[in-house]
Amino acid sequence: MMAYLSILAVILAGLPSTGAFTMSVRPSSSGVGLQRADFLRQVGVGAAGIAGVAAAPLASVAAAPPAVGSMAPDFTLPSNAGKDISLKDLLKQAKHTVLYFYPGDFTSGCTIEAQGFQRDFEKYGANNAQIVGVSVDSIEKHLNFEKSYNLQFPLLSDIGANVADLYGSKLDIPFMGKFANRLTFIIGSDGKIEKVFTDVESKVAKHSAEVLATLATL
């Protein structure tokens, strides 16, 4: 449920409280598009609150994440660095790659998570590790997110959540679309998964410290 609420927060953060929002559902009463209140009514968030939406079935949930010791699925995605980045390239750059999937730029939990990784950026370097974020956001939004919080690590654009699907992170939610659930992987330079963090949502503010503590044992 927490993952579903996080995704809902992403959607609501992107909806204007006033003004138009285009969506292929019933037009708003104003006739100028879908506003936040109209959206909430149409997906069932009224007096019952967000819990009503959280109880709705997911249209599609990815398979379980790849297990520790298995080979990490390869990928190539566009990045905020202005070039495509592949897992094969990343594995050549550090002993450990911290690959983290998150729902969306500029939302509360995702901002806290990114700031935690950035705060500890030099500590990751000291552990011969690099950080790479993945979400379904566009490169333009990634660039704005990077600039707003002075992020020094790559953000990859997984529009369509195809890579998220490979890593057991994809959520396909009715009326909302495809997103990446919050998961983090530590991948060794040999391409094998060394650690999978699945319970990130409940302790996102302390997640970077948790990852660093694990790196110290590898």
C-alpha atoms as a PDB file:
ATOM      1  CA  MET A   1       0.000   0.000   0.000  1.00  0.00           C
ATOM      2  CA  MET A   2       2.833   2.418   0.803  1.00  0.00           C
ATOM      3  CA  ALA A   3       4.199   2.047  -2.712  1.00  0.00           C
ATOM      4  CA  TYR A   4       0.758   2.825  -4.154  1.00  0.00           C
ATOM      5  CA  LEU A   5       0.426   5.921  -1.964  1.00  0.00           C
ATOM      6  CA  SER A   6       3.859   7.077  -3.093  1.00  0.00           C
ATOM      7  CA  ILE A   7       2.847   6.761  -6.741  1.00  0.00           C
ATOM      8  CA  LEU A   8      -0.393   8.623  -6.053  1.00  0.00           C
ATOM      9  CA  ALA A   9       1.668  11.410  -4.498  1.00  0.00           C
ATOM     10  CA  VAL A  10       3.669  11.625  -7.718  1.00  0.00           C
ATOM     11  CA  ILE A  11       0.497  12.068  -9.744  1.00  0.00           C
ATOM     12  CA  LEU A  12      -1.027  14.658  -7.435  1.00  0.00           C
ATOM     13  CA  ALA A  13       2.208  16.619  -7.319  1.00  0.00           C
ATOM     14  CA  GLY A  14       2.059  16.932 -11.084  1.00  0.00           C
ATOM     15  CA  LEU A  15      -1.550  18.077 -11.192  1.00  0.00           C
ATOM     16  CA  PRO A  16      -2.317  21.807 -10.958  1.00  0.00           C
ATOM     17  CA  SER A  17      -4.665  22.893  -8.209  1.00  0.00           C
ATOM     18  CA  THR A  18      -6.245  25.210 -10.781  1.00  0.00           C
ATOM     19  CA  GLY A  19      -6.043  25.426 -14.527  1.00  0.00           C
ATOM     20  CA  ALA A  20      -6.133  22.740 -17.187  1.00  0.00           C
ATOM     21  CA  PHE A  21      -4.726  19.266 -17.178  1.00  0.00           C
ATOM     22  CA  THR A  22      -5.286  17.105 -20.226  1.00  0.00           C
ATOM     23  CA  MET A  23      -6.316  13.501 -19.695  1.00  0.00           C
ATOM     24  CA  SER A  24      -8.401  11.121 -21.756  1.00  0.00           C
ATOM     25  CA  VAL A  25     -11.253  10.782 -19.289  1.00  0.00           C
ATOM     26  CA  ARG A  26     -14.486  12.678 -18.654  1.00  0.00           C
ATOM     27  CA  PRO A  27     -13.981  16.460 -19.129  1.00  0.00           C
ATOM     28  CA  SER A  28     -14.026  18.660 -16.053  1.00  0.00           C
ATOM     29  CA  SER A  29     -17.040  20.738 -15.205  1.00  0.00           C
ATOM     30  CA  SER A  30     -15.151  23.870 -16.204  1.00  0.00           C
ATOM     31  CA  GLY A  31     -14.761  22.566 -19.747  1.00  0.00           C
ATOM     32  CA  VAL A  32     -11.063  23.501 -19.835  1.00  0.00           C
ATOM     33  CA  GLY A  33      -9.488  20.194 -18.843  1.00  0.00           C
ATOM     34  CA  LEU A  34      -9.041  18.078 -15.773  1.00  0.00           C
ATOM     35  CA  GLN A  35      -8.251  19.862 -12.532  1.00  0.00           C
ATOM     36  CA  ARG A  36      -6.993  18.292  -9.330  1.00  0.00           C
ATOM     37  CA  ALA A  37     -10.422  18.115  -7.694  1.00  0.00           C
ATOM     38  CA  ASP A  38     -11.964  16.564 -10.809  1.00  0.00           C
ATOM     39  CA  PHE A  39      -9.148  14.028 -10.988  1.00  0.00           C
ATOM     40  CA  LEU A  40      -9.653  13.018  -7.369  1.00  0.00           C
ATOM     41  CA  ARG A  41     -13.383  12.544  -7.919  1.00  0.00           C
ATOM     42  CA  GLN A  42     -12.872  10.503 -11.072  1.00  0.00           C
ATOM     43  CA  VAL A  43     -10.345   8.085  -9.540  1.00  0.00           C
ATOM     44  CA  GLY A  44     -12.421   7.774  -6.385  1.00  0.00           C
ATOM     45  CA  VAL A  45     -10.602   9.939  -3.873  1.00  0.00           C
ATOM     46  CA  GLY A  46     -13.360  11.658  -1.972  1.00  0.00           C
ATOM     47  CA  ALA A  47     -14.445  11.429   1.619  1.00  0.00           C
ATOM     48  CA  ALA A  48     -12.894   7.979   1.796  1.00  0.00           C
ATOM     49  CA  GLY A  49      -9.558   9.636   1.066  1.00  0.00           C
ATOM     50  CA  ILE A  50      -6.504   8.199  -0.577  1.00  0.00           C
ATOM     51  CA  ALA A  51      -7.170   4.817   1.018  1.00  0.00           C
ATOM     52  CA  GLY A  52      -9.966   4.267  -1.481  1.00  0.00           C
ATOM     53  CA  VAL A  53      -7.538   4.497  -4.357  1.00  0.00           C
ATOM     54  CA  ALA A  54      -4.912   2.484  -2.513  1.00  0.00           C
ATOM     55  CA  ALA A  55      -7.416  -0.366  -2.218  1.00  0.00           C
ATOM     56  CA  ALA A  56      -7.943  -0.491  -5.983  1.00  0.00           C
ATOM     57  CA  PRO A  57      -6.205  -3.380  -7.748  1.00  0.00           C
ATOM     58  CA  LEU A  58      -3.017  -2.720  -9.658  1.00  0.00           C
ATOM     59  CA  ALA A  59      -3.385  -3.361 -13.370  1.00  0.00           C
ATOM     60  CA  SER A  60       0.075  -4.857 -13.561  1.00  0.00           C
ATOM     61  CA  VAL A  61       2.866  -5.458 -11.082  1.00  0.00           C
ATOM     62  CA  ALA A  62       6.367  -6.478 -12.115  1.00  0.00           C
ATOM     63  CA  ALA A  63       7.786  -9.846 -11.157  1.00  0.00           C
ATOM     64  CA  ALA A  64       9.989 -10.206  -8.090  1.00  0.00           C
ATOM     65  CA  PRO A  65      13.309  -8.329  -8.210  1.00  0.00           C
ATOM     66  CA  PRO A  66      16.374 -10.260  -9.422  1.00  0.00           C
ATOM     67  CA  ALA A  67      17.903 -12.214  -6.559  1.00  0.00           C
ATOM     68  CA  VAL A  68      21.223 -11.570  -4.864  1.00  0.00           C
ATOM     69  CA  GLY A  69      23.923 -13.450  -6.756  1.00  0.00           C
ATOM     70  CA  SER A  70      22.121 -13.291 -10.099  1.00  0.00           C
ATOM     71  CA  MET A  71      23.313 -11.225 -13.035  1.00  0.00           C
ATOM     72  CA  ALA A  72      21.826  -7.727 -13.161  1.00  0.00           C
ATOM     73  CA  PRO A  73      19.771  -7.180 -16.329  1.00  0.00           C
ATOM     74  CA  ASP A  74      21.655  -5.069 -18.845  1.00  0.00           C
ATOM     75  CA  PHE A  75      20.152  -1.816 -20.114  1.00  0.00           C
ATOM     76  CA  THR A  76      20.909   1.370 -21.981  1.00  0.00           C
ATOM     77  CA  LEU A  77      18.997   4.547 -21.121  1.00  0.00           C
ATOM     78  CA  PRO A  78      19.285   8.281 -21.845  1.00  0.00           C
ATOM     79  CA  SER A  79      20.666  10.337 -18.974  1.00  0.00           C
ATOM     80  CA  ASN A  80      20.816  13.878 -17.674  1.00  0.00           C
ATOM     81  CA  ALA A  81      24.494  13.826 -18.687  1.00  0.00           C
ATOM     82  CA  GLY A  82      23.431  14.234 -22.307  1.00  0.00           C
ATOM     83  CA  LYS A  83      24.345  10.705 -23.374  1.00  0.00           C
ATOM     84  CA  ASP A  84      23.043   7.170 -23.178  1.00  0.00           C
ATOM     85  CA  ILE A  85      24.374   5.139 -20.266  1.00  0.00           C
ATOM     86  CA  SER A  86      24.514   1.344 -20.204  1.00  0.00           C
ATOM     87  CA  LEU A  87      25.029  -0.980 -17.284  1.00  0.00           C
ATOM     88  CA  LYS A  88      28.089  -2.389 -19.044  1.00  0.00           C
ATOM     89  CA  ASP A  89      29.656   1.073 -19.042  1.00  0.00           C
ATOM     90  CA  LEU A  90      28.780   1.650 -15.394  1.00  0.00           C
ATOM     91  CA  LEU A  91      30.397  -1.595 -14.289  1.00  0.00           C
ATOM     92  CA  LYS A  92      33.737  -0.377 -15.640  1.00  0.00           C
ATOM     93  CA  GLN A  93      33.666   2.793 -13.542  1.00  0.00           C
ATOM     94  CA  ALA A  94      33.443   1.526  -9.955  1.00  0.00           C
ATOM     95  CA  LYS A  95      33.589  -1.592  -7.811  1.00  0.00           C
ATOM     96  CA  HIS A  96      29.955  -1.117  -6.801  1.00  0.00           C
ATOM     97  CA  THR A  97      27.027   0.516  -8.596  1.00  0.00           C
ATOM     98  CA  VAL A  98      24.123   1.687  -6.441  1.00  0.00           C
ATOM     99  CA  LEU A  99      21.178   1.587  -8.842  1.00  0.00           C
ATOM    100  CA  TYR A 100      18.058   3.056  -7.285  1.00  0.00           C
ATOM    101  CA  PHE A 101      14.566   3.212  -8.768  1.00  0.00           C
ATOM    102  CA  TYR A 102      12.164   5.888  -7.581  1.00  0.00           C
ATOM    103  CA  PRO A 103       8.657   7.123  -8.527  1.00  0.00           C
ATOM    104  CA  GLY A 104       9.271  10.717  -9.624  1.00  0.00           C
ATOM    105  CA  ASP A 105      11.371  13.864  -9.480  1.00  0.00           C
ATOM    106  CA  PHE A 106      10.360  16.664  -7.101  1.00  0.00           C
ATOM    107  CA  THR A 107       8.015  14.560  -4.962  1.00  0.00           C
ATOM    108  CA  SER A 108       8.628  14.579  -1.229  1.00  0.00           C
ATOM    109  CA  GLY A 109      10.035  11.096  -0.676  1.00  0.00           C
ATOM    110  CA  CYS A 110      12.058  11.095  -3.886  1.00  0.00           C
ATOM    111  CA  THR A 111      13.579  14.474  -3.072  1.00  0.00           C
ATOM    112  CA  ILE A 112      14.544  13.317   0.423  1.00  0.00           C
ATOM    113  CA  GLU A 113      16.076  10.162  -1.029  1.00  0.00           C
ATOM    114  CA  ALA A 114      18.094  12.041  -3.666  1.00  0.00           C
ATOM    115  CA  GLN A 115      19.305  14.592  -1.128  1.00  0.00           C
ATOM    116  CA  GLY A 116      20.470  11.760   1.116  1.00  0.00           C
ATOM    117  CA  PHE A 117      22.517  10.222  -1.674  1.00  0.00           C
ATOM    118  CA  GLN A 118      23.950  13.626  -2.583  1.00  0.00           C
ATOM    119  CA  ARG A 119      24.817  14.411   1.041  1.00  0.00           C
ATOM    120  CA  ASP A 120      26.846  11.206   1.176  1.00  0.00           C
ATOM    121  CA  PHE A 121      28.237  11.487  -2.355  1.00  0.00           C
ATOM    122  CA  GLU A 122      31.892  11.616  -1.262  1.00  0.00           C
ATOM    123  CA  LYS A 123      31.406   8.676   1.099  1.00  0.00           C
ATOM    124  CA  TYR A 124      30.259   6.568  -1.835  1.00  0.00           C
ATOM    125  CA  GLY A 125      33.395   7.520  -3.711  1.00  0.00           C
ATOM    126  CA  ALA A 126      35.474   6.479  -0.717  1.00  0.00           C
ATOM    127  CA  ASN A 127      33.792   3.070  -0.902  1.00  0.00           C
ATOM    128  CA  ASN A 128      34.545   2.794  -4.641  1.00  0.00           C
ATOM    129  CA  ALA A 129      30.825   3.067  -5.352  1.00  0.00           C
ATOM    130  CA  GLN A 130      28.721   5.183  -7.693  1.00  0.00           C
ATOM    131  CA  ILE A 131      25.066   6.231  -7.497  1.00  0.00           C
ATOM    132  CA  VAL A 132      22.626   6.049 -10.417  1.00  0.00           C
ATOM    133  CA  GLY A 133      18.935   6.984 -10.207  1.00  0.00           C
ATOM    134  CA  VAL A 134      16.186   5.687 -12.506  1.00  0.00           C
ATOM    135  CA  SER A 135      12.614   6.909 -12.936  1.00  0.00           C
ATOM    136  CA  VAL A 136      10.084   7.331 -15.742  1.00  0.00           C
ATOM    137  CA  ASP A 137      10.666  11.099 -15.818  1.00  0.00           C
ATOM    138  CA  SER A 138      11.850  12.880 -18.954  1.00  0.00           C
ATOM    139  CA  ILE A 139      15.410  14.109 -19.394  1.00  0.00           C
ATOM    140  CA  GLU A 140      14.148  17.691 -19.146  1.00  0.00           C
ATOM    141  CA  LYS A 141      12.613  17.004 -15.752  1.00  0.00           C
ATOM    142  CA  HIS A 142      15.756  15.181 -14.618  1.00  0.00           C
ATOM    143  CA  LEU A 143      17.848  18.206 -15.584  1.00  0.00           C
ATOM    144  CA  ASN A 144      15.594  20.496 -13.557  1.00  0.00           C
ATOM    145  CA  PHE A 145      15.752  18.106 -10.598  1.00  0.00           C
ATOM    146  CA  GLU A 146      19.542  17.900 -10.831  1.00  0.00           C
ATOM    147  CA  LYS A 147      19.878  21.677 -10.964  1.00  0.00           C
ATOM    148  CA  SER A 148      17.428  22.317  -8.128  1.00  0.00           C
ATOM    149  CA  TYR A 149      19.267  20.047  -5.686  1.00  0.00           C
ATOM    150  CA  ASN A 150      22.837  20.153  -7.077  1.00  0.00           C
ATOM    151  CA  LEU A 151      22.881  16.428  -7.738  1.00  0.00           C
ATOM    152  CA  GLN A 152      26.218  15.020  -8.892  1.00  0.00           C
ATOM    153  CA  PHE A 153      25.097  11.568  -9.995  1.00  0.00           C
ATOM    154  CA  PRO A 154      23.357  10.375 -13.182  1.00  0.00           C
ATOM    155  CA  LEU A 155      19.583  10.226 -13.497  1.00  0.00           C
ATOM    156  CA  LEU A 156      18.304   7.871 -16.186  1.00  0.00           C
ATOM    157  CA  SER A 157      15.030   8.279 -18.074  1.00  0.00           C
ATOM    158  CA  ASP A 158      13.081   5.017 -18.228  1.00  0.00           C
ATOM    159  CA  ILE A 159       9.948   6.254 -19.999  1.00  0.00           C
ATOM    160  CA  GLY A 160       7.639   3.274 -20.306  1.00  0.00           C
ATOM    161  CA  ALA A 161       9.234   1.625 -17.239  1.00  0.00           C
ATOM    162  CA  ASN A 162      10.803  -1.127 -19.354  1.00  0.00           C
ATOM    163  CA  VAL A 163      14.003  -1.279 -17.300  1.00  0.00           C
ATOM    164  CA  ALA A 164      12.002  -0.971 -14.088  1.00  0.00           C
ATOM    165  CA  ASP A 165      10.113  -4.050 -15.260  1.00  0.00           C
ATOM    166  CA  LEU A 166      13.372  -5.996 -15.673  1.00  0.00           C
ATOM    167  CA  TYR A 167      14.300  -5.141 -12.094  1.00  0.00           C
ATOM    168  CA  GLY A 168      10.918  -5.957 -10.555  1.00  0.00           C
ATOM    169  CA  SER A 169      10.158  -2.297  -9.936  1.00  0.00           C
ATOM    170  CA  LYS A 170       7.424  -1.460 -12.458  1.00  0.00           C
ATOM    171  CA  LEU A 171       3.965  -0.473 -11.298  1.00  0.00           C
ATOM    172  CA  ASP A 172       1.230  -0.049 -13.917  1.00  0.00           C
ATOM    173  CA  ILE A 173      -1.641   1.717 -12.185  1.00  0.00           C
ATOM    174  CA  PRO A 174      -5.128   2.318 -13.643  1.00  0.00           C
ATOM    175  CA  PHE A 175      -5.757   5.946 -14.656  1.00  0.00           C
ATOM    176  CA  MET A 176      -2.192   6.870 -13.688  1.00  0.00           C
ATOM    177  CA  GLY A 177       0.273   5.069 -15.936  1.00  0.00           C
ATOM    178  CA  LYS A 178       3.579   3.279 -15.433  1.00  0.00           C
ATOM    179  CA  PHE A 179       6.028   4.133 -12.675  1.00  0.00           C
ATOM    180  CA  ALA A 180       9.062   2.755 -10.870  1.00  0.00           C
ATOM    181  CA  ASN A 181       8.500   1.484  -7.365  1.00  0.00           C
ATOM    182  CA  ARG A 182      11.156   2.430  -4.818  1.00  0.00           C
ATOM    183  CA  LEU A 183      13.881  -0.251  -4.939  1.00  0.00           C
ATOM    184  CA  THR A 184      17.670  -0.100  -4.635  1.00  0.00           C
ATOM    185  CA  PHE A 185      20.289  -2.535  -5.904  1.00  0.00           C
ATOM    186  CA  ILE A 186      24.010  -2.778  -5.233  1.00  0.00           C
ATOM    187  CA  ILE A 187      25.681  -4.335  -8.276  1.00  0.00           C
ATOM    188  CA  GLY A 188      29.281  -5.538  -8.283  1.00  0.00           C
ATOM    189  CA  SER A 189      31.759  -4.862 -11.072  1.00  0.00           C
ATOM    190  CA  ASP A 190      31.204  -8.453 -12.239  1.00  0.00           C
ATOM    191  CA  GLY A 191      27.566  -7.597 -12.960  1.00  0.00           C
ATOM    192  CA  LYS A 192      26.180  -9.681 -10.105  1.00  0.00           C
ATOM    193  CA  ILE A 193      23.639  -8.274  -7.683  1.00  0.00           C
ATOM    194  CA  GLU A 194      25.177  -7.952  -4.229  1.00  0.00           C
ATOM    195  CA  LYS A 195      22.212  -6.542  -2.317  1.00  0.00           C
ATOM    196  CA  VAL A 196      18.539  -5.699  -2.901  1.00  0.00           C
ATOM    197  CA  PHE A 197      16.730  -3.136  -0.734  1.00  0.00           C
ATOM    198  CA  THR A 198      12.974  -3.635  -0.999  1.00  0.00           C
ATOM    199  CA  ASP A 199      11.790  -1.856   2.161  1.00  0.00           C
ATOM    200  CA  VAL A 200      12.904   1.639   1.213  1.00  0.00           C
ATOM    201  CA  GLU A 201       9.613   3.530   1.402  1.00  0.00           C
ATOM    202  CA  SER A 202       9.245   3.252   5.181  1.00  0.00           C
ATOM    203  CA  LYS A 203      12.737   4.597   5.932  1.00  0.00           C
ATOM    204  CA  VAL A 204      13.611   6.743   2.949  1.00  0.00           C
ATOM    205  CA  ALA A 205      15.292   9.462   5.033  1.00  0.00           C
ATOM    206  CA  LYS A 206      17.809   6.925   6.386  1.00  0.00           C
ATOM    207  CA  HIS A 207      18.193   4.931   3.192  1.00  0.00           C
ATOM    208  CA  SER A 208      21.557   6.308   2.111  1.00  0.00           C
ATOM    209  CA  ALA A 209      23.055   5.501   5.514  1.00  0.00           C
ATOM    210  CA  GLU A 210      21.663   1.979   5.199  1.00  0.00           C
ATOM    211  CA  VAL A 211      23.262   1.554   1.766  1.00  0.00           C
ATOM    212  CA  LEU A 212      26.615   2.864   3.005  1.00  0.00           C
ATOM    213  CA  ALA A 213      26.558   0.471   5.956  1.00  0.00           C
ATOM    214  CA  THR A 214      26.008  -2.417   3.565  1.00  0.00           C
ATOM    215  CA  LEU A 215      28.785  -1.264   1.241  1.00  0.00           C
ATOM    216  CA  ALA A 216      31.201  -1.329   4.170  1.00  0.00           C
ATOM    217  CA  THR A 217      30.590  -5.067   4.503  1.00  0.00           C
ATOM    218  CA  LEU A 218      31.137  -5.948   0.832  1.00  0.00           C
END
